[in-house]
């Protein structure tokens, strides 16, 4: 739903108190992640700089950090949002109903994005997706946050990562060797094909947002809820910032060490990938927290905050906008509008790889303008 609300962050560096329960650093970090997601999803052509593409399979690139950062940020936000609702006097039943409704709405919106522009038969609709994974992780992370404490959540993170490692390496897949982690032979792909059928997957062989690989993604979200709980705690801001760095570095080291025997893999969302990305997310959030919330250097982050306070709108509208450009005819009558703009505005004077990057950057800047309009009008799209 759309709502108008008091601007939590005026476009100024004058001293102001942020809205209760909000961190400008978290909104800025979310905005950076959202801008990165739009950038890497909208290259002008198949030609792109290596950091702007996913790793072929094992390994990682900066692009592979975007989605886990978003899941981590969602977990941090859960700790703030749910505590704020409970502190305001909302009953547990009302909070639970809101959690379920939000998860269902986000999941449904993800299905609609997969189906848009509604030309594909519904019977062949891809079921998993980015928003679908976010919805599932949100639902279970929120329920776990309400039902358990930090120790139980740490134990659950450990169980999810070790259990998933055991599933990938100890459950046999017919026709493949035990522990096969190839695209076609891994156990996650096997159960996705078995339960969802190839017609409902991203590719017939696997889905990067499949069922089994959502379990370690939940661990990423729970690391976020633990971070949010820490940031809401009684420690001083300096102690909170230092604590994030103290935890972040061992997580990165552990992820890289585990990678020696169990590969970092975004599509499989392996345990080393969880530890590495959570550690890097903590480092970045810690930097943002120190610069923005502790030092008070806020104005530079306004473009990021503009994206960060309206992530659903930015993600959905940018996705639909890309599809509409491909569907719209060009003024010349040849090809579509996207091809027409790209060939004349970028490809005509840039090398192929720079034309592709130029289009992606321009697309991000266009949606920054749109979201800035929303921001100045205090329009926030919420589910």
Protein backbone atom coordinates (compact mmCIF):
# COMPACT_ATOMS: atom_id res chain seq x y z
CA UNK A 1 0.00 0.00 0.00
CA UNK A 2 1.07 3.61 -0.44
CA UNK A 3 1.12 6.04 2.42
CA UNK A 4 2.27 9.56 3.13
CA UNK A 5 4.38 9.99 6.22
CA UNK A 6 6.56 12.55 7.94
CA UNK A 7 9.97 12.68 6.27
CA UNK A 8 12.35 10.77 8.58
CA UNK A 9 15.40 12.43 7.03
CA UNK A 10 15.10 16.00 5.78
CA UNK A 11 17.48 16.93 2.96
CA UNK A 12 19.88 18.77 5.24
CA UNK A 13 22.77 18.24 7.58
CA UNK A 14 21.16 20.33 10.31
CA UNK A 15 20.85 18.44 13.61
CA UNK A 16 17.60 16.52 13.67
CA UNK A 17 16.39 13.51 15.58
CA UNK A 18 15.67 10.54 13.31
CA UNK A 19 12.32 8.83 13.47
CA UNK A 20 12.18 6.53 16.51
CA UNK A 21 13.56 3.09 15.76
CA UNK A 22 15.22 4.10 12.46
CA UNK A 23 18.88 4.15 11.55
CA UNK A 24 19.88 6.40 8.69
CA UNK A 25 22.94 4.20 8.18
CA UNK A 26 20.73 1.15 7.68
CA UNK A 27 18.53 2.99 5.18
CA UNK A 28 21.66 4.15 3.33
CA UNK A 29 23.10 0.63 3.27
CA UNK A 30 19.78 -0.71 1.99
CA UNK A 31 19.76 2.00 -0.67
CA UNK A 32 23.29 1.13 -1.80
CA UNK A 33 22.27 -2.52 -2.07
CA UNK A 34 19.11 -1.68 -3.99
CA UNK A 35 21.01 0.57 -6.41
CA UNK A 36 23.51 -2.25 -6.92
CA UNK A 37 20.68 -4.66 -7.62
CA UNK A 38 19.21 -2.37 -10.30
CA UNK A 39 22.66 -1.79 -11.78
CA UNK A 40 23.62 -5.45 -12.21
CA UNK A 41 20.15 -6.49 -13.38
CA UNK A 42 20.01 -3.93 -16.19
CA UNK A 43 23.18 -4.04 -18.25
CA UNK A 44 22.82 -2.70 -21.76
CA UNK A 45 23.92 -5.96 -23.37
CA UNK A 46 25.48 -9.29 -22.55
CA UNK A 47 28.88 -7.58 -22.51
CA UNK A 48 29.83 -6.34 -19.04
CA UNK A 49 32.77 -5.82 -16.74
CA UNK A 50 33.54 -8.93 -14.69
CA UNK A 51 32.61 -7.41 -11.28
CA UNK A 52 29.12 -6.67 -12.64
CA UNK A 53 28.39 -10.30 -13.47
CA UNK A 54 27.83 -13.32 -11.25
CA UNK A 55 30.52 -15.95 -10.80
CA UNK A 56 30.02 -18.75 -13.33
CA UNK A 57 29.43 -21.22 -10.48
CA UNK A 58 31.88 -21.53 -7.58
CA UNK A 59 33.54 -18.34 -6.37
CA UNK A 60 32.14 -14.85 -6.04
CA UNK A 61 32.12 -11.36 -7.48
CA UNK A 62 30.83 -8.04 -6.05
CA UNK A 63 27.55 -8.77 -7.83
CA UNK A 64 27.14 -11.94 -5.76
CA UNK A 65 27.12 -9.82 -2.59
CA UNK A 66 24.01 -7.84 -3.49
CA UNK A 67 21.28 -10.35 -2.68
CA UNK A 68 22.74 -11.65 0.61
CA UNK A 69 23.31 -8.04 1.72
CA UNK A 70 19.62 -7.38 1.12
CA UNK A 71 18.61 -10.48 3.12
CA UNK A 72 20.96 -9.45 5.95
CA UNK A 73 19.53 -5.91 5.99
CA UNK A 74 16.02 -7.34 6.10
CA UNK A 75 17.02 -9.29 9.21
CA UNK A 76 18.39 -6.15 10.89
CA UNK A 77 15.15 -4.33 10.03
CA UNK A 78 13.06 -7.12 11.59
CA UNK A 79 14.63 -6.49 14.99
CA UNK A 80 13.80 -2.78 14.80
CA UNK A 81 10.34 -3.03 13.25
CA UNK A 82 8.94 -5.79 15.46
CA UNK A 83 10.33 -4.33 18.66
CA UNK A 84 8.86 -0.96 17.70
CA UNK A 85 5.42 -2.48 17.11
CA UNK A 86 5.47 -4.38 20.39
CA UNK A 87 6.72 -1.34 22.29
CA UNK A 88 3.86 0.70 20.84
CA UNK A 89 1.38 -1.63 22.49
CA UNK A 90 0.40 -3.77 19.52
CA UNK A 91 -0.70 -7.20 20.70
CA UNK A 92 1.24 -10.30 19.73
CA UNK A 93 -1.65 -11.60 17.67
CA UNK A 94 -1.82 -8.41 15.64
CA UNK A 95 1.96 -8.50 15.08
CA UNK A 96 1.82 -12.13 13.95
CA UNK A 97 -1.00 -11.34 11.53
CA UNK A 98 1.02 -8.47 10.09
CA UNK A 99 4.06 -10.74 9.62
CA UNK A 100 2.05 -13.37 7.77
CA UNK A 101 0.25 -10.81 5.62
CA UNK A 102 3.50 -9.09 4.66
CA UNK A 103 5.17 -12.37 3.74
CA UNK A 104 2.21 -13.46 1.60
CA UNK A 105 2.05 -10.06 -0.11
CA UNK A 106 5.77 -10.00 -0.96
CA UNK A 107 5.64 -13.59 -2.21
CA UNK A 108 2.61 -12.81 -4.36
CA UNK A 109 4.25 -9.70 -5.76
CA UNK A 110 7.27 -11.81 -6.70
CA UNK A 111 5.02 -14.23 -8.58
CA UNK A 112 3.40 -11.33 -10.44
CA UNK A 113 6.83 -10.00 -11.45
CA UNK A 114 7.79 -13.45 -12.73
CA UNK A 115 4.58 -13.60 -14.75
CA UNK A 116 4.65 -10.01 -16.11
CA UNK A 117 3.83 -9.14 -18.88
CA UNK A 118 1.45 -12.08 -18.51
CA UNK A 119 2.22 -13.76 -21.83
CA UNK A 120 3.60 -16.95 -20.33
CA UNK A 121 1.09 -19.69 -19.47
CA UNK A 122 0.38 -19.60 -15.74
CA UNK A 123 0.95 -23.35 -15.61
CA UNK A 124 4.61 -22.73 -16.55
CA UNK A 125 5.18 -19.79 -14.19
CA UNK A 126 8.50 -19.76 -12.35
CA UNK A 127 7.67 -20.13 -8.65
CA UNK A 128 10.94 -19.15 -6.90
CA UNK A 129 12.45 -15.70 -7.19
CA UNK A 130 14.16 -12.87 -5.33
CA UNK A 131 11.05 -11.49 -3.64
CA UNK A 132 9.79 -15.02 -2.93
CA UNK A 133 13.00 -15.86 -1.07
CA UNK A 134 12.84 -12.56 0.80
CA UNK A 135 9.25 -13.34 1.80
CA UNK A 136 10.06 -16.81 3.12
CA UNK A 137 13.16 -15.61 5.00
CA UNK A 138 11.19 -12.68 6.43
CA UNK A 139 8.39 -14.93 7.66
CA UNK A 140 10.58 -17.44 9.46
CA UNK A 141 13.19 -14.94 10.69
CA UNK A 142 10.45 -12.75 12.19
CA UNK A 143 8.75 -15.69 13.90
CA UNK A 144 12.07 -16.98 15.22
CA UNK A 145 12.98 -13.49 16.47
CA UNK A 146 9.73 -13.30 18.44
CA UNK A 147 9.93 -16.84 19.81
CA UNK A 148 13.61 -17.20 20.74
CA UNK A 149 16.57 -15.36 22.20
CA UNK A 150 20.09 -14.76 20.86
CA UNK A 151 21.52 -18.09 22.04
CA UNK A 152 18.78 -20.09 20.37
CA UNK A 153 19.18 -18.08 17.19
CA UNK A 154 22.95 -18.69 17.16
CA UNK A 155 22.32 -22.41 17.62
CA UNK A 156 19.80 -22.37 14.78
CA UNK A 157 22.24 -20.56 12.46
CA UNK A 158 24.84 -23.23 13.24
CA UNK A 159 22.31 -26.02 12.65
CA UNK A 160 21.16 -24.54 9.34
CA UNK A 161 24.68 -24.17 7.99
CA UNK A 162 25.97 -27.55 9.15
CA UNK A 163 22.74 -29.30 8.20
CA UNK A 164 22.79 -27.79 4.72
CA UNK A 165 26.46 -28.76 4.30
CA UNK A 166 25.57 -32.33 5.31
CA UNK A 167 22.64 -32.38 2.87
CA UNK A 168 24.80 -31.23 -0.05
CA UNK A 169 27.64 -33.62 0.72
CA UNK A 170 25.91 -36.67 2.23
CA UNK A 171 22.55 -37.08 0.46
CA UNK A 172 22.94 -39.08 -2.78
CA UNK A 173 21.53 -37.83 -6.07
CA UNK A 174 20.58 -40.53 -8.60
CA UNK A 175 23.10 -40.67 -11.43
CA UNK A 176 25.77 -38.57 -9.70
CA UNK A 177 28.57 -39.16 -7.23
CA UNK A 178 27.97 -38.46 -3.56
CA UNK A 179 28.68 -34.82 -2.76
CA UNK A 180 28.50 -33.65 -6.38
CA UNK A 181 28.26 -29.84 -6.28
CA UNK A 182 27.91 -29.27 -10.02
CA UNK A 183 25.04 -27.27 -11.44
CA UNK A 184 23.10 -30.36 -12.51
CA UNK A 185 24.21 -32.87 -9.87
CA UNK A 186 23.76 -31.07 -6.53
CA UNK A 187 21.05 -32.20 -4.15
CA UNK A 188 19.40 -28.75 -4.01
CA UNK A 189 18.80 -28.79 -7.77
CA UNK A 190 17.58 -32.38 -7.54
CA UNK A 191 14.85 -31.57 -5.02
CA UNK A 192 13.87 -28.38 -6.81
CA UNK A 193 13.28 -30.39 -9.99
CA UNK A 194 11.48 -33.09 -8.00
CA UNK A 195 9.18 -30.80 -5.99
CA UNK A 196 8.66 -27.83 -8.31
CA UNK A 197 9.29 -29.58 -11.65
CA UNK A 198 11.59 -28.06 -14.32
CA UNK A 199 8.71 -26.01 -15.80
CA UNK A 200 8.57 -23.85 -12.65
CA UNK A 201 12.31 -23.16 -12.27
CA UNK A 202 14.60 -20.41 -13.54
CA UNK A 203 16.31 -23.01 -15.68
CA UNK A 204 15.29 -26.58 -16.26
CA UNK A 205 18.36 -27.81 -14.38
CA UNK A 206 18.27 -25.59 -11.28
CA UNK A 207 16.95 -22.42 -9.64
CA UNK A 208 19.24 -20.02 -7.74
CA UNK A 209 16.36 -19.20 -5.38
CA UNK A 210 15.19 -22.78 -4.92
CA UNK A 211 13.71 -24.53 -1.89
CA UNK A 212 16.65 -26.16 -0.15
CA UNK A 213 19.06 -23.25 -0.68
CA UNK A 214 16.59 -20.97 1.11
CA UNK A 215 17.57 -22.65 4.40
CA UNK A 216 21.07 -21.10 4.53
CA UNK A 217 19.55 -17.83 3.28
CA UNK A 218 17.46 -17.92 6.46
CA UNK A 219 20.74 -18.14 8.39
CA UNK A 220 21.82 -14.91 6.66
CA UNK A 221 18.59 -13.24 7.79
CA UNK A 222 19.08 -14.48 11.37
CA UNK A 223 22.59 -13.02 11.48
CA UNK A 224 20.85 -9.79 10.53
CA UNK A 225 18.30 -10.09 13.37
CA UNK A 226 21.13 -10.66 15.84
CA UNK A 227 22.82 -7.54 14.50
CA UNK A 228 19.60 -5.57 14.87
CA UNK A 229 19.19 -6.79 18.43
CA UNK A 230 22.76 -5.68 19.17
CA UNK A 231 22.14 -2.23 17.68
CA UNK A 232 18.99 -1.81 19.79
CA UNK A 233 20.83 -2.81 22.96
CA UNK A 234 22.05 -0.62 25.84
CA UNK A 235 25.69 -0.30 24.73
CA UNK A 236 27.06 3.04 23.60
CA UNK A 237 27.12 3.78 19.87
CA UNK A 238 30.90 3.42 19.84
CA UNK A 239 30.70 0.00 21.50
CA UNK A 240 28.02 -1.12 19.07
CA UNK A 241 30.14 -0.05 16.11
CA UNK A 242 33.23 -1.78 17.47
CA UNK A 243 31.24 -4.92 18.17
CA UNK A 244 30.18 -5.18 14.54
CA UNK A 245 33.80 -5.05 13.38
CA UNK A 246 34.88 -7.55 16.05
CA UNK A 247 32.37 -10.10 14.72
CA UNK A 248 32.74 -9.21 11.03
CA UNK A 249 36.41 -10.08 10.60
CA UNK A 250 36.21 -13.64 12.03
CA UNK A 251 33.15 -14.31 9.86
CA UNK A 252 35.04 -13.31 6.71
CA UNK A 253 38.07 -15.40 7.74
CA UNK A 254 35.87 -18.39 8.58
CA UNK A 255 34.09 -18.15 5.23
CA UNK A 256 37.35 -18.02 3.30
CA UNK A 257 38.82 -20.89 5.34
CA UNK A 258 35.75 -23.10 4.87
CA UNK A 259 35.94 -22.33 1.15
CA UNK A 260 39.08 -24.49 1.01
CA UNK A 261 36.96 -27.64 1.50
CA UNK A 262 33.41 -26.44 0.70
CA UNK A 263 33.19 -23.83 -2.06
CA UNK A 264 31.69 -20.37 -1.86
CA UNK A 265 28.72 -20.49 -4.21
CA UNK A 266 25.95 -17.90 -4.48
CA UNK A 267 23.49 -20.06 -6.43
CA UNK A 268 23.80 -22.83 -3.81
CA UNK A 269 24.07 -20.25 -0.99
CA UNK A 270 26.67 -22.44 0.72
CA UNK A 271 27.80 -21.99 4.33
CA UNK A 272 31.08 -20.27 3.39
CA UNK A 273 29.05 -17.88 1.24
CA UNK A 274 26.82 -17.09 4.24
CA UNK A 275 29.78 -16.38 6.53
CA UNK A 276 31.71 -14.33 3.97
CA UNK A 277 28.77 -12.17 2.91
CA UNK A 278 27.52 -11.66 6.47
CA UNK A 279 31.00 -10.57 7.54
CA UNK A 280 31.32 -8.15 4.64
CA UNK A 281 27.81 -6.81 5.32
CA UNK A 282 28.74 -6.20 8.95
CA UNK A 283 31.87 -4.36 7.86
CA UNK A 284 29.92 -2.09 5.52
CA UNK A 285 27.12 -1.46 8.01
CA UNK A 286 29.72 -0.70 10.66
CA UNK A 287 31.38 1.86 8.38
CA UNK A 288 28.04 3.46 7.52
CA UNK A 289 27.02 3.47 11.18
CA UNK A 290 30.25 5.20 12.22
CA UNK A 291 30.20 7.78 9.42
CA UNK A 292 26.47 8.56 9.38
CA UNK A 293 25.04 7.89 12.83
CA UNK A 294 28.06 8.50 15.03
CA UNK A 295 29.95 11.23 13.16
CA UNK A 296 26.76 12.78 11.78
CA UNK A 297 28.02 13.05 8.18
CA UNK A 298 24.64 12.47 6.59
CA UNK A 299 24.05 14.64 3.56
CA UNK A 300 26.30 12.65 1.20
CA UNK A 301 24.15 9.56 1.83
CA UNK A 302 20.85 11.19 0.80
CA UNK A 303 20.74 9.51 -2.66
CA UNK A 304 21.22 6.14 -0.96
CA UNK A 305 18.55 6.91 1.63
CA UNK A 306 16.16 7.88 -1.17
CA UNK A 307 16.40 4.31 -2.46
CA UNK A 308 16.63 2.79 1.00
CA UNK A 309 13.36 4.09 2.43
CA UNK A 310 11.41 2.89 -0.64
CA UNK A 311 13.03 -0.44 -1.62
CA UNK A 312 9.89 -2.29 -2.73
CA UNK A 313 8.84 0.54 -5.04
CA UNK A 314 12.32 0.92 -6.52
CA UNK A 315 12.79 -2.80 -7.13
CA UNK A 316 9.36 -3.51 -8.55
CA UNK A 317 9.02 -0.38 -10.68
CA UNK A 318 12.52 -0.73 -12.13
CA UNK A 319 11.78 -4.34 -13.03
CA UNK A 320 8.48 -3.50 -14.68
CA UNK A 321 10.04 -0.47 -16.39
CA UNK A 322 12.65 -2.64 -18.06
CA UNK A 323 9.96 -4.96 -19.38
CA UNK A 324 7.86 -2.07 -20.67
CA UNK A 325 10.82 -0.66 -22.58
CA UNK A 326 11.21 -4.02 -24.32
CA UNK A 327 7.49 -4.19 -25.10
CA UNK A 328 7.15 -0.63 -26.47
CA UNK A 329 7.76 -0.02 -30.20
CA UNK A 330 10.55 2.35 -31.21
CA UNK A 331 9.81 5.69 -32.91
CA UNK A 332 11.48 4.35 -36.07
CA UNK A 333 9.21 1.31 -36.12
CA UNK A 334 12.20 -1.04 -36.01
CA UNK A 335 12.80 -3.00 -32.85
CA UNK A 336 11.65 -1.90 -29.42
CA UNK A 337 12.08 1.34 -27.49
CA UNK A 338 14.89 -0.02 -25.36
CA UNK A 339 16.94 -1.00 -28.41
CA UNK A 340 16.29 2.38 -30.00
CA UNK A 341 17.45 4.36 -26.94
CA UNK A 342 20.42 2.09 -26.37
CA UNK A 343 21.69 2.14 -29.94
CA UNK A 344 21.42 5.94 -30.31
CA UNK A 345 22.21 7.07 -26.80
CA UNK A 346 25.03 4.68 -25.88
CA UNK A 347 26.10 2.19 -28.53
CA UNK A 348 26.62 4.87 -31.18
CA UNK A 349 29.57 6.48 -29.40
CA UNK A 350 30.84 4.08 -26.73
CA UNK A 351 32.66 0.77 -26.90
CA UNK A 352 30.32 -2.20 -26.38
CA UNK A 353 31.34 -2.81 -22.77
CA UNK A 354 31.14 0.88 -21.83
CA UNK A 355 27.83 1.28 -23.65
CA UNK A 356 26.46 -1.59 -21.58
CA UNK A 357 27.72 0.02 -18.37
CA UNK A 358 26.50 3.44 -19.42
CA UNK A 359 22.98 2.13 -19.93
CA UNK A 360 22.99 0.46 -16.50
CA UNK A 361 24.22 3.61 -14.74
CA UNK A 362 21.71 5.78 -16.60
CA UNK A 363 18.92 3.39 -15.63
CA UNK A 364 19.90 3.63 -11.95
CA UNK A 365 20.01 7.43 -12.16
CA UNK A 366 16.57 7.54 -13.81
CA UNK A 367 15.05 5.58 -10.95
CA UNK A 368 16.92 7.72 -8.46
CA UNK A 369 15.08 10.72 -9.93
CA UNK A 370 11.75 8.90 -9.63
CA UNK A 371 12.45 7.82 -6.05
CA UNK A 372 13.62 11.34 -5.18
CA UNK A 373 10.20 12.62 -6.28
CA UNK A 374 8.58 10.01 -4.02
CA UNK A 375 10.94 10.99 -1.20
CA UNK A 376 10.22 14.71 -1.45
CA UNK A 377 6.48 13.98 -1.50
CA UNK A 378 6.97 11.65 1.51
CA UNK A 379 5.38 8.76 -0.38
CA UNK A 380 6.47 5.38 0.96
CA UNK A 381 5.24 2.14 -0.64
CA UNK A 382 4.79 -0.47 2.05
CA UNK A 383 3.49 -4.02 2.10
